Amino acid sequence: LLSLGARFDQYALDSRARLSVEGTYTDAERRGGDLARFDLPPHETALTEQILTERLGLGVSWLHQVSSSLDYRLASSWADSSRDSYYGADFDPNAYGTTDNPLFIVDAAANRYFTGSTLTAGAEYRSDRIEDVQLGYNRVIEESYRSLGAFLQDDRKVGAKVNLLYGARVDSHSAIDDPIVSPRLALMWSPMPTLTLRGSVASGFRPPATFDEDLHIQLVGGGEAHVIYNDPNLVEESSLGYLLSTEWRPSFAGKGSAVVALNFFRTDLDDLFNNVEADDPTTPEVEFLKINQGDARVEGIEVSGSMRWGPRVSADFGFVRQTSRFGDPEPDFGSRVFFRTPERYGSAGVIWEAARRTDVFAGVIYTGPMKVPHYAGYIEEDRLETTDSFLTVDVNVARRFEIRDDLTLQVSIGAKNLTDEYQPDLDQGPLRDSAYVYGPRFPRSIVVGFKVGR
């Protein structure tokens, strides 16, 4: 793995404006699968997943504070990702592929400040092209998407204790026939200095585009190649979200302070995307069709907070309890429960400044049980599994050294997933279900870091 990056900032107009230019480059090679034949070409192995990726990104932005009542931002970015891949099983010579995905974005936003209100306006243009080729499977996907969006919102004080935010965004997308208007409305009330109540409603959508993850997340399952195509009649997913929250900010006689928030949320989804099998028996791969299938609802409660006790100790925590249900049962298992979506999860962490320039961190992440589809191949028949819960622990010690007056070196050592919580039942062999993966991404790991900064 090679990763490079650079950023240049230049201030102008008496430091009221800033020009930023940045670039990144990544060259990564990843391979897994048949360890006994790891030195052989992929098609001479029982199972291999190999990705050779190059990504070049460039960006430029201009920030300008014209006056105390007006500022604006102009930005543009370009990135090109190219990939050579092999996803194959059982010595398959056809599983080689290439992907090219250039992306271009330009956006602008401006803020106009009035007495008691802030008016914000902006626009964004996006051009996204994906070309994915697997000649062995006679698959060539070439899709180009263009979108233009503009938004306007007003954040206004209504009396001494109430703020009202309202606005809308209009998007025109090449995969959608008509422009889509997405309004939003939010209200904030502070009846006392230590208490804030909020409520909001907002709409959104996801266009029927071909995404890179559609092509590569599950290319091999049960020893067969999987290919996903969009239904010609596919329309956008749409959402409507609601939020009610309260935030309390107590203090402790000058020794510390805290912020505790309680949030109730709900999101209604319509015209959900779903992949259904639509196999053509005359081809060597298994075809899937992405269609719109019904509606769904996600709702729950979140408790979160942070605390600072004295000058050396700070802590934060969060816990979510939610339900995620399809309106109609999904076709494979007849389940209305979202897959790979735990209904309970949370995290907590503490940072202690043990000595001058030395910080100690300890944190836990809890992931509750979830439903995960497990398709036949390594196992005899399809099953809907209920996973165990996971509790991972991370610890870290960091020490800062002063190199000179304006430059410091930070050295850190720590352990991620100290409890070594990891999926216990990974499939094996060329017939495995490649998408049957859940839980923490990495087993127990020791991490050493160096950081130079101001």
Protein backbone atom coordinates (compact mmCIF):
# COMPACT_ATOMS: atom_id res chain seq x y z
CA LEU A 1 0.00 0.00 0.00
CA LEU A 2 1.38 3.40 -1.04
CA SER A 3 -0.49 6.53 -0.01
CA LEU A 4 0.72 10.08 -0.66
CA GLY A 5 -0.89 13.44 -0.07
CA ALA A 6 -0.05 17.15 -0.07
CA ARG A 7 -1.89 20.39 0.68
CA PHE A 8 -1.00 24.02 -0.03
CA ASP A 9 -2.74 27.02 1.57
CA GLN A 10 -2.23 30.63 0.48
CA TYR A 11 -3.88 33.55 2.29
CA ALA A 12 -4.78 36.72 0.41
CA LEU A 13 -6.72 40.00 0.70
CA ASP A 14 -5.37 40.75 4.19
CA SER A 15 -6.08 37.15 5.29
CA ARG A 16 -9.78 37.52 4.46
CA ALA A 17 -9.42 34.91 1.69
CA ARG A 18 -7.73 31.52 1.42
CA LEU A 19 -6.80 29.44 -1.60
CA SER A 20 -6.29 25.72 -0.91
CA VAL A 21 -4.90 23.15 -3.32
CA GLU A 22 -4.52 19.49 -2.39
CA GLY A 23 -3.72 16.21 -4.06
CA THR A 24 -3.74 12.54 -3.04
CA TYR A 25 -2.45 9.36 -4.64
CA THR A 26 -3.07 5.77 -3.56
CA ASP A 27 -1.64 2.56 -5.01
CA ALA A 28 -2.90 -0.56 -3.24
CA GLU A 29 -2.63 -4.28 -3.90
CA ARG A 30 -4.78 -6.74 -1.98
CA ARG A 31 -5.15 -10.48 -2.41
CA GLY A 32 -6.80 -13.22 -0.38
CA GLY A 33 -8.12 -16.72 -0.82
CA ASP A 34 -6.26 -19.93 -1.61
CA LEU A 35 -3.13 -19.63 0.58
CA ALA A 36 -1.72 -22.95 -0.66
CA ARG A 37 -1.43 -21.48 -4.19
CA PHE A 38 -0.73 -17.88 -3.25
CA ASP A 39 2.27 -17.64 -5.59
CA LEU A 40 0.29 -18.76 -8.64
CA PRO A 41 -1.83 -16.63 -11.00
CA PRO A 42 -5.40 -16.18 -9.66
CA HIS A 43 -7.00 -18.45 -12.26
CA GLU A 44 -4.77 -21.32 -11.14
CA THR A 45 -6.23 -21.30 -7.62
CA ALA A 46 -9.36 -22.71 -6.00
CA LEU A 47 -10.42 -19.27 -4.77
CA THR A 48 -8.93 -15.78 -5.10
CA GLU A 49 -10.07 -12.23 -4.58
CA GLN A 50 -7.44 -9.81 -5.86
CA ILE A 51 -7.68 -6.04 -6.33
CA LEU A 52 -5.01 -3.72 -7.77
CA THR A 53 -6.23 -0.13 -7.27
CA GLU A 54 -4.85 3.26 -8.24
CA ARG A 55 -6.58 6.48 -7.23
CA LEU A 56 -5.54 10.05 -8.03
CA GLY A 57 -7.44 12.96 -6.52
CA LEU A 58 -7.08 16.73 -6.95
CA GLY A 59 -8.98 19.54 -5.28
CA VAL A 60 -9.00 23.33 -5.14
CA SER A 61 -11.10 25.69 -3.02
CA TRP A 62 -11.42 29.46 -2.48
CA LEU A 63 -12.87 30.96 0.72
CA HIS A 64 -13.54 34.69 0.89
CA GLN A 65 -14.99 36.77 3.70
CA VAL A 66 -16.09 39.82 1.72
CA SER A 67 -17.39 41.65 4.78
CA SER A 68 -18.87 40.95 8.19
CA SER A 69 -22.21 40.32 6.45
CA LEU A 70 -21.13 38.22 3.46
CA ASP A 71 -18.83 35.28 2.75
CA TYR A 72 -18.71 32.63 0.04
CA ARG A 73 -16.92 29.43 -0.98
CA LEU A 74 -16.00 28.03 -4.40
CA ALA A 75 -14.58 24.51 -4.75
CA SER A 76 -13.85 21.88 -7.34
CA SER A 77 -12.52 18.33 -7.07
CA TRP A 78 -11.62 15.54 -9.44
CA ALA A 79 -10.76 11.92 -8.73
CA ASP A 80 -10.04 8.94 -10.96
CA SER A 81 -10.09 5.41 -9.58
CA SER A 82 -8.90 2.52 -11.73
CA ARG A 83 -8.88 -1.12 -10.72
CA ASP A 84 -7.74 -4.47 -12.05
CA SER A 85 -9.50 -7.29 -10.25
CA TYR A 86 -10.03 -11.02 -10.09
CA TYR A 87 -13.00 -12.51 -8.20
CA GLY A 88 -13.15 -16.19 -9.02
CA ALA A 89 -13.43 -19.74 -7.74
CA ASP A 90 -12.69 -23.25 -9.01
CA PHE A 91 -9.85 -22.19 -11.38
CA ASP A 92 -12.12 -19.84 -13.33
CA PRO A 93 -10.24 -18.13 -16.21
CA ASN A 94 -13.10 -15.66 -16.85
CA ALA A 95 -13.11 -13.79 -13.55
CA TYR A 96 -10.66 -11.01 -14.50
CA GLY A 97 -12.05 -7.50 -14.76
CA THR A 98 -11.20 -3.82 -14.95
CA THR A 99 -12.99 -0.79 -13.55
CA ASP A 100 -12.57 2.92 -14.24
CA ASN A 101 -14.49 5.51 -12.23
CA PRO A 102 -13.72 9.22 -12.82
CA LEU A 103 -15.65 11.71 -10.70
CA PHE A 104 -15.85 15.50 -11.05
CA ILE A 105 -17.58 17.90 -8.63
CA VAL A 106 -17.85 21.68 -8.55
CA ASP A 107 -19.84 23.52 -5.88
CA ALA A 108 -20.44 27.00 -4.52
CA ALA A 109 -22.10 28.38 -1.39
CA ALA A 110 -22.64 31.85 0.08
CA ASN A 111 -23.84 33.18 3.45
CA ARG A 112 -25.55 36.53 3.89
CA TYR A 113 -25.85 37.66 7.52
CA PHE A 114 -28.71 39.88 8.61
CA THR A 115 -29.74 41.01 12.06
CA GLY A 116 -31.36 37.92 13.54
CA SER A 117 -31.01 35.66 10.49
CA THR A 118 -28.57 33.96 8.12
CA LEU A 119 -29.49 33.28 4.50
CA THR A 120 -27.50 30.50 2.81
CA ALA A 121 -27.58 29.59 -0.87
CA GLY A 122 -25.54 27.13 -2.90
CA ALA A 123 -25.28 24.91 -5.94
CA GLU A 124 -23.45 21.71 -6.92
CA TYR A 125 -22.69 19.98 -10.21
CA ARG A 126 -21.53 16.36 -10.25
CA SER A 127 -20.38 14.17 -13.13
CA ASP A 128 -19.82 10.48 -12.40
CA ARG A 129 -18.89 7.78 -14.91
CA ILE A 130 -18.31 4.09 -14.27
CA GLU A 131 -16.97 1.58 -16.78
CA ASP A 132 -16.76 -2.02 -15.57
CA VAL A 133 -15.58 -4.77 -17.92
CA GLN A 134 -15.41 -8.54 -17.46
CA LEU A 135 -14.91 -9.90 -20.96
CA GLY A 136 -14.87 -13.51 -19.79
CA TYR A 137 -18.49 -13.08 -18.66
CA ASN A 138 -19.36 -10.92 -21.67
CA ARG A 139 -20.17 -8.08 -19.29
CA VAL A 140 -19.51 -4.45 -20.19
CA ILE A 141 -21.19 -1.80 -18.03
CA GLU A 142 -20.79 1.82 -19.10
CA GLU A 143 -22.87 4.32 -17.16
CA SER A 144 -22.58 8.10 -16.92
CA TYR A 145 -24.52 10.26 -14.50
CA ARG A 146 -24.84 14.00 -14.20
CA SER A 147 -26.62 15.93 -11.51
CA LEU A 148 -27.22 19.60 -10.75
CA GLY A 149 -28.55 20.72 -7.39
CA ALA A 150 -29.29 24.06 -5.76
CA PHE A 151 -30.45 24.92 -2.26
CA LEU A 152 -31.66 27.89 -0.26
CA GLN A 153 -32.22 28.06 3.49
CA ASP A 154 -32.89 30.67 6.16
CA ASP A 155 -31.77 30.32 9.79
CA ARG A 156 -33.80 32.87 11.69
CA LYS A 157 -34.24 33.90 15.33
CA VAL A 158 -37.89 34.09 16.34
CA GLY A 159 -37.88 35.89 19.66
CA ALA A 160 -35.12 35.60 22.25
CA LYS A 161 -35.31 31.81 22.76
CA VAL A 162 -36.47 30.29 19.46
CA ASN A 163 -34.63 29.62 16.20
CA LEU A 164 -36.37 28.55 13.01
CA LEU A 165 -34.53 26.99 10.07
CA TYR A 166 -36.34 26.30 6.81
CA GLY A 167 -35.24 25.68 3.26
CA ALA A 168 -35.30 23.40 0.24
CA ARG A 169 -32.99 21.76 -2.27
CA VAL A 170 -33.84 21.10 -5.93
CA ASP A 171 -31.98 18.34 -7.79
CA SER A 172 -31.97 17.39 -11.44
CA HIS A 173 -30.39 13.96 -12.10
CA SER A 174 -29.79 12.32 -15.46
CA ALA A 175 -31.31 9.02 -14.23
CA ILE A 176 -34.54 10.73 -13.07
CA ASP A 177 -37.17 12.21 -15.38
CA ASP A 178 -38.28 15.20 -13.31
CA PRO A 179 -36.49 17.50 -10.83
CA ILE A 180 -36.87 16.54 -7.16
CA VAL A 181 -37.60 19.09 -4.45
CA SER A 182 -36.40 18.19 -0.93
CA PRO A 183 -37.69 20.61 1.74
CA ARG A 184 -36.56 20.71 5.37
CA LEU A 185 -37.77 22.44 8.53
CA ALA A 186 -36.19 22.65 11.99
CA LEU A 187 -37.15 24.44 15.21
CA MET A 188 -34.92 25.03 18.26
CA TRP A 189 -36.19 26.31 21.63
CA SER A 190 -33.98 27.18 24.61
CA PRO A 191 -36.30 27.78 27.59
CA MET A 192 -33.27 28.14 29.89
CA PRO A 193 -29.50 28.46 29.37
CA THR A 194 -28.82 24.80 30.23
CA LEU A 195 -31.67 23.24 28.21
CA THR A 196 -32.34 23.11 24.45
CA LEU A 197 -35.21 21.36 22.65
CA ARG A 198 -35.15 20.63 18.92
CA GLY A 199 -37.50 19.24 16.30
CA SER A 200 -36.96 18.73 12.58
CA VAL A 201 -38.41 17.12 9.47
CA ALA A 202 -36.47 16.62 6.23
CA SER A 203 -36.85 14.72 2.97
CA GLY A 204 -34.25 13.12 0.70
CA PHE A 205 -33.71 10.65 -2.13
CA ARG A 206 -31.20 8.21 -3.65
CA PRO A 207 -30.99 8.06 -7.46
CA PRO A 208 -31.14 4.73 -9.40
CA ALA A 209 -27.45 4.77 -10.35
CA THR A 210 -24.94 1.94 -10.64
CA PHE A 211 -22.49 2.18 -7.76
CA ASP A 212 -19.07 0.58 -7.50
CA GLU A 213 -20.17 -1.49 -4.49
CA ASP A 214 -22.94 -3.06 -6.59
CA LEU A 215 -20.26 -4.53 -8.84
CA HIS A 216 -17.70 -5.81 -6.38
CA ILE A 217 -19.04 -6.51 -2.90
CA GLN A 218 -20.49 -9.93 -3.77
CA LEU A 219 -19.02 -11.13 -7.04
CA VAL A 220 -18.54 -14.74 -5.93
CA GLY A 221 -21.05 -16.73 -3.87
CA GLY A 222 -21.36 -20.48 -3.68
CA GLY A 223 -18.59 -20.74 -6.29
CA GLU A 224 -20.61 -18.80 -8.88
CA ALA A 225 -20.07 -15.30 -10.26
CA HIS A 226 -22.82 -12.78 -9.43
CA VAL A 227 -23.71 -9.85 -11.70
CA ILE A 228 -26.16 -7.05 -10.78
CA TYR A 229 -28.13 -5.02 -13.34
CA ASN A 230 -30.60 -2.18 -12.84
CA ASP A 231 -34.24 -2.69 -13.75
CA PRO A 232 -35.06 -0.31 -16.66
CA ASN A 233 -38.09 0.85 -14.63
CA LEU A 234 -36.07 1.57 -11.48
CA VAL A 235 -37.03 4.85 -9.79
CA GLU A 236 -35.36 6.75 -6.96
CA GLU A 237 -35.62 5.77 -3.30
CA SER A 238 -37.19 8.52 -1.21
CA SER A 239 -37.08 9.25 2.50
CA LEU A 240 -38.82 11.42 5.06
CA GLY A 241 -37.08 11.82 8.42
CA TYR A 242 -38.29 13.18 11.77
CA LEU A 243 -36.23 14.10 14.85
CA LEU A 244 -37.12 15.26 18.36
CA SER A 245 -34.28 15.92 20.77
CA THR A 246 -33.44 17.51 24.10
CA GLU A 247 -30.00 18.62 25.26
CA TRP A 248 -29.11 19.32 28.89
CA ARG A 249 -25.85 21.06 29.85
CA PRO A 250 -25.29 20.85 33.63
CA SER A 251 -22.16 22.06 35.46
CA PHE A 252 -20.66 20.78 38.72
CA ALA A 253 -19.68 23.66 40.97
CA GLY A 254 -16.77 24.69 38.83
CA LYS A 255 -15.23 21.18 38.84
CA GLY A 256 -16.63 20.05 35.53
CA SER A 257 -19.38 20.22 32.93
CA ALA A 258 -21.43 17.81 30.86
CA VAL A 259 -23.74 17.61 27.86
CA VAL A 260 -26.48 14.96 27.79
CA ALA A 261 -28.76 14.51 24.76
CA LEU A 262 -31.85 12.38 24.22
CA ASN A 263 -32.98 11.92 20.60
CA PHE A 264 -36.09 10.28 19.15
CA PHE A 265 -35.83 9.58 15.42
CA ARG A 266 -37.88 8.05 12.65
CA THR A 267 -37.29 7.68 8.91
CA ASP A 268 -39.86 6.45 6.39
CA LEU A 269 -38.46 4.98 3.16
CA ASP A 270 -40.36 4.41 -0.09
CA ASP A 271 -39.48 2.50 -3.29
CA LEU A 272 -36.59 0.65 -1.64
CA PHE A 273 -33.83 -0.79 -3.79
CA ASN A 274 -33.53 -4.57 -3.59
CA ASN A 275 -31.58 -7.17 -5.58
CA VAL A 276 -33.61 -10.19 -6.74
CA GLU A 277 -32.33 -13.19 -8.67
CA ALA A 278 -33.10 -13.07 -12.39
CA ASP A 279 -30.73 -15.70 -13.74
CA ASP A 280 -30.26 -16.35 -17.43
CA PRO A 281 -29.46 -20.10 -17.70
CA THR A 282 -27.56 -19.57 -20.96
CA THR A 283 -24.80 -17.53 -19.25
CA PRO A 284 -22.06 -18.80 -16.91
CA GLU A 285 -22.82 -16.22 -14.20
CA VAL A 286 -25.87 -15.64 -11.95
CA GLU A 287 -27.73 -12.44 -12.78
CA PHE A 288 -29.50 -10.26 -10.21
CA LEU A 289 -31.88 -7.40 -10.94
CA LYS A 290 -32.09 -4.28 -8.78
CA ILE A 291 -35.75 -3.36 -8.41
CA ASN A 292 -37.99 -1.15 -6.26
CA GLN A 293 -39.61 -3.23 -3.58
CA GLY A 294 -42.00 -1.69 -1.08
CA ASP A 295 -41.34 0.60 1.85
CA ALA A 296 -39.67 0.51 5.26
CA ARG A 297 -39.39 2.37 8.56
CA VAL A 298 -36.45 2.97 10.90
CA GLU A 299 -37.19 4.43 14.32
CA GLY A 300 -35.59 4.53 17.73
CA ILE A 301 -34.04 6.44 20.59
CA GLU A 302 -30.47 7.60 21.15
CA VAL A 303 -28.83 8.66 24.41
CA SER A 304 -25.47 10.40 24.16
CA GLY A 305 -23.31 12.69 26.19
CA SER A 306 -19.90 14.03 27.05
CA MET A 307 -18.30 15.16 30.30
CA ARG A 308 -15.20 17.04 31.34
CA TRP A 309 -14.03 16.70 34.96
CA GLY A 310 -11.25 19.06 35.91
CA PRO A 311 -8.52 19.90 33.43
CA ARG A 312 -7.38 16.31 32.79
CA VAL A 313 -10.33 13.97 32.35
CA SER A 314 -12.94 13.90 29.57
CA ALA A 315 -15.39 11.19 28.56
CA ASP A 316 -18.14 10.56 26.04
CA PHE A 317 -20.77 7.89 25.50
CA GLY A 318 -23.65 6.98 23.21
CA PHE A 319 -26.23 4.22 22.97
CA VAL A 320 -28.94 3.55 20.36
CA ARG A 321 -32.01 1.33 20.53
CA GLN A 322 -33.85 1.09 17.23
CA THR A 323 -36.11 -1.03 15.07
CA SER A 324 -35.76 -1.35 11.28
CA ARG A 325 -38.62 -3.05 9.45
CA PHE A 326 -39.63 -3.62 5.83
CA GLY A 327 -43.26 -2.98 5.00
CA ASP A 328 -43.41 -6.32 3.14
CA PRO A 329 -41.29 -9.41 3.84
CA GLU A 330 -38.18 -9.72 1.68
CA PRO A 331 -38.34 -12.63 -0.80
CA ASP A 332 -35.42 -14.86 0.27
CA PHE A 333 -36.28 -15.57 3.91
CA GLY A 334 -39.65 -13.88 4.41
CA SER A 335 -38.10 -11.48 6.96
CA ARG A 336 -39.22 -7.94 7.68
CA VAL A 337 -36.09 -7.19 9.73
CA PHE A 338 -33.23 -5.26 8.09
CA PHE A 339 -30.17 -7.44 7.50
CA ARG A 340 -26.81 -6.57 9.12
CA THR A 341 -28.50 -3.89 11.22
CA PRO A 342 -28.23 -4.37 15.01
CA GLU A 343 -31.09 -2.99 17.06
CA ARG A 344 -28.75 -2.09 19.94
CA TYR A 345 -25.31 -0.51 19.65
CA GLY A 346 -23.19 2.00 21.50
CA SER A 347 -19.77 3.28 22.47
CA ALA A 348 -17.95 5.01 25.33
CA GLY A 349 -14.48 6.45 25.78
CA VAL A 350 -12.31 8.21 28.38
CA ILE A 351 -9.23 10.39 27.83
CA TRP A 352 -6.98 11.06 30.82
CA GLU A 353 -4.08 13.47 30.73
CA ALA A 354 -1.92 11.34 33.03
CA ALA A 355 1.04 13.74 32.88
CA ARG A 356 2.08 16.81 30.96
CA ARG A 357 2.06 15.92 27.22
CA THR A 358 0.91 12.33 27.94
CA ASP A 359 -2.65 11.15 27.21
CA VAL A 360 -4.20 7.77 28.01
CA PHE A 361 -7.31 6.62 26.12
CA ALA A 362 -9.65 3.69 26.77
CA GLY A 363 -12.83 2.98 24.82
CA VAL A 364 -15.43 0.29 24.27
CA ILE A 365 -17.74 -0.38 21.31
CA TYR A 366 -20.83 -2.56 21.69
CA THR A 367 -22.56 -4.14 18.67
CA GLY A 368 -25.75 -6.05 19.40
CA PRO A 369 -27.09 -9.17 17.65
CA MET A 370 -28.28 -8.84 14.07
CA LYS A 371 -29.85 -10.89 11.27
CA VAL A 372 -27.42 -11.92 8.50
CA PRO A 373 -28.31 -13.97 5.38
CA HIS A 374 -26.08 -17.02 4.87
CA TYR A 375 -26.36 -18.59 1.44
CA ALA A 376 -25.63 -22.19 0.51
CA GLY A 377 -22.29 -23.33 -0.82
CA TYR A 378 -20.07 -23.97 2.16
CA ILE A 379 -23.28 -24.76 4.06
CA GLU A 380 -25.92 -27.11 2.61
CA GLU A 381 -28.87 -24.69 2.42
CA ASP A 382 -29.68 -21.01 2.84
CA ARG A 383 -30.06 -19.84 6.44
CA LEU A 384 -30.94 -16.57 8.14
CA GLU A 385 -28.47 -16.38 11.01
CA THR A 386 -28.79 -14.43 14.28
CA THR A 387 -25.32 -13.31 15.29
CA ASP A 388 -23.82 -12.94 18.74
CA SER A 389 -23.12 -9.50 20.18
CA PHE A 390 -19.62 -8.00 20.24
CA LEU A 391 -17.85 -5.86 22.84
CA THR A 392 -14.51 -4.51 21.65
CA VAL A 393 -12.00 -2.59 23.78
CA ASP A 394 -9.42 -0.11 22.45
CA VAL A 395 -6.58 1.41 24.50
CA ASN A 396 -3.90 3.92 23.55
CA VAL A 397 -1.09 5.94 25.15
CA ALA A 398 0.23 9.05 23.35
CA ARG A 399 3.24 11.22 24.26
CA ARG A 400 4.05 14.58 22.69
CA PHE A 401 7.65 15.80 22.30
CA GLU A 402 8.57 19.37 21.47
CA ILE A 403 10.99 19.43 18.53
CA ARG A 404 11.11 23.22 18.43
CA ASP A 405 8.82 26.07 19.45
CA ASP A 406 6.27 25.55 16.67
CA LEU A 407 6.69 21.84 15.94
CA THR A 408 5.87 18.71 17.95
CA LEU A 409 6.25 14.95 17.50
CA GLN A 410 3.52 12.69 18.90
CA VAL A 411 4.34 9.02 19.48
CA SER A 412 1.55 6.61 20.33
CA ILE A 413 1.14 2.91 21.01
CA GLY A 414 -2.12 1.08 21.53
CA ALA A 415 -4.23 -1.98 21.00
CA LYS A 416 -7.37 -2.19 18.90
CA ASN A 417 -9.98 -4.86 19.68
CA LEU A 418 -8.09 -5.92 22.80
CA THR A 419 -10.82 -8.47 23.55
CA ASP A 420 -10.24 -10.08 20.10
CA GLU A 421 -13.96 -10.07 19.28
CA TYR A 422 -14.31 -11.42 15.74
CA GLN A 423 -16.72 -13.37 13.56
CA PRO A 424 -16.34 -17.04 14.61
CA ASP A 425 -18.00 -18.74 11.62
CA LEU A 426 -16.42 -17.41 8.42
CA ASP A 427 -17.11 -19.63 5.42
CA GLN A 428 -14.18 -21.44 3.83
CA GLY A 429 -13.25 -22.89 0.46
CA PRO A 430 -14.22 -22.09 -3.13
CA LEU A 431 -17.97 -22.53 -2.47
CA ARG A 432 -18.09 -20.02 0.38
CA ASP A 433 -20.62 -17.18 0.60
CA SER A 434 -18.30 -14.19 0.09
CA ALA A 435 -20.86 -11.73 1.50
CA TYR A 436 -21.31 -13.63 4.78
CA VAL A 437 -19.22 -11.19 6.80
CA TYR A 438 -20.28 -9.27 9.92
CA GLY A 439 -18.97 -7.82 13.16
CA PRO A 440 -15.62 -6.07 13.87
CA ARG A 441 -13.45 -5.64 10.78
CA PHE A 442 -10.11 -6.51 12.41
CA PRO A 443 -8.94 -8.97 15.08
CA ARG A 444 -6.72 -7.88 17.96
CA SER A 445 -4.08 -5.48 16.61
CA ILE A 446 -1.14 -3.55 18.05
CA VAL A 447 -0.80 -0.07 16.55
CA VAL A 448 2.21 2.26 16.72
CA GLY A 449 1.86 5.80 15.37
CA PHE A 450 3.97 8.88 14.72
CA LYS A 451 2.57 12.34 13.99
CA VAL A 452 4.40 15.59 13.33
CA GLY A 453 2.40 18.79 13.68
CA ARG A 454 2.13 22.26 15.10
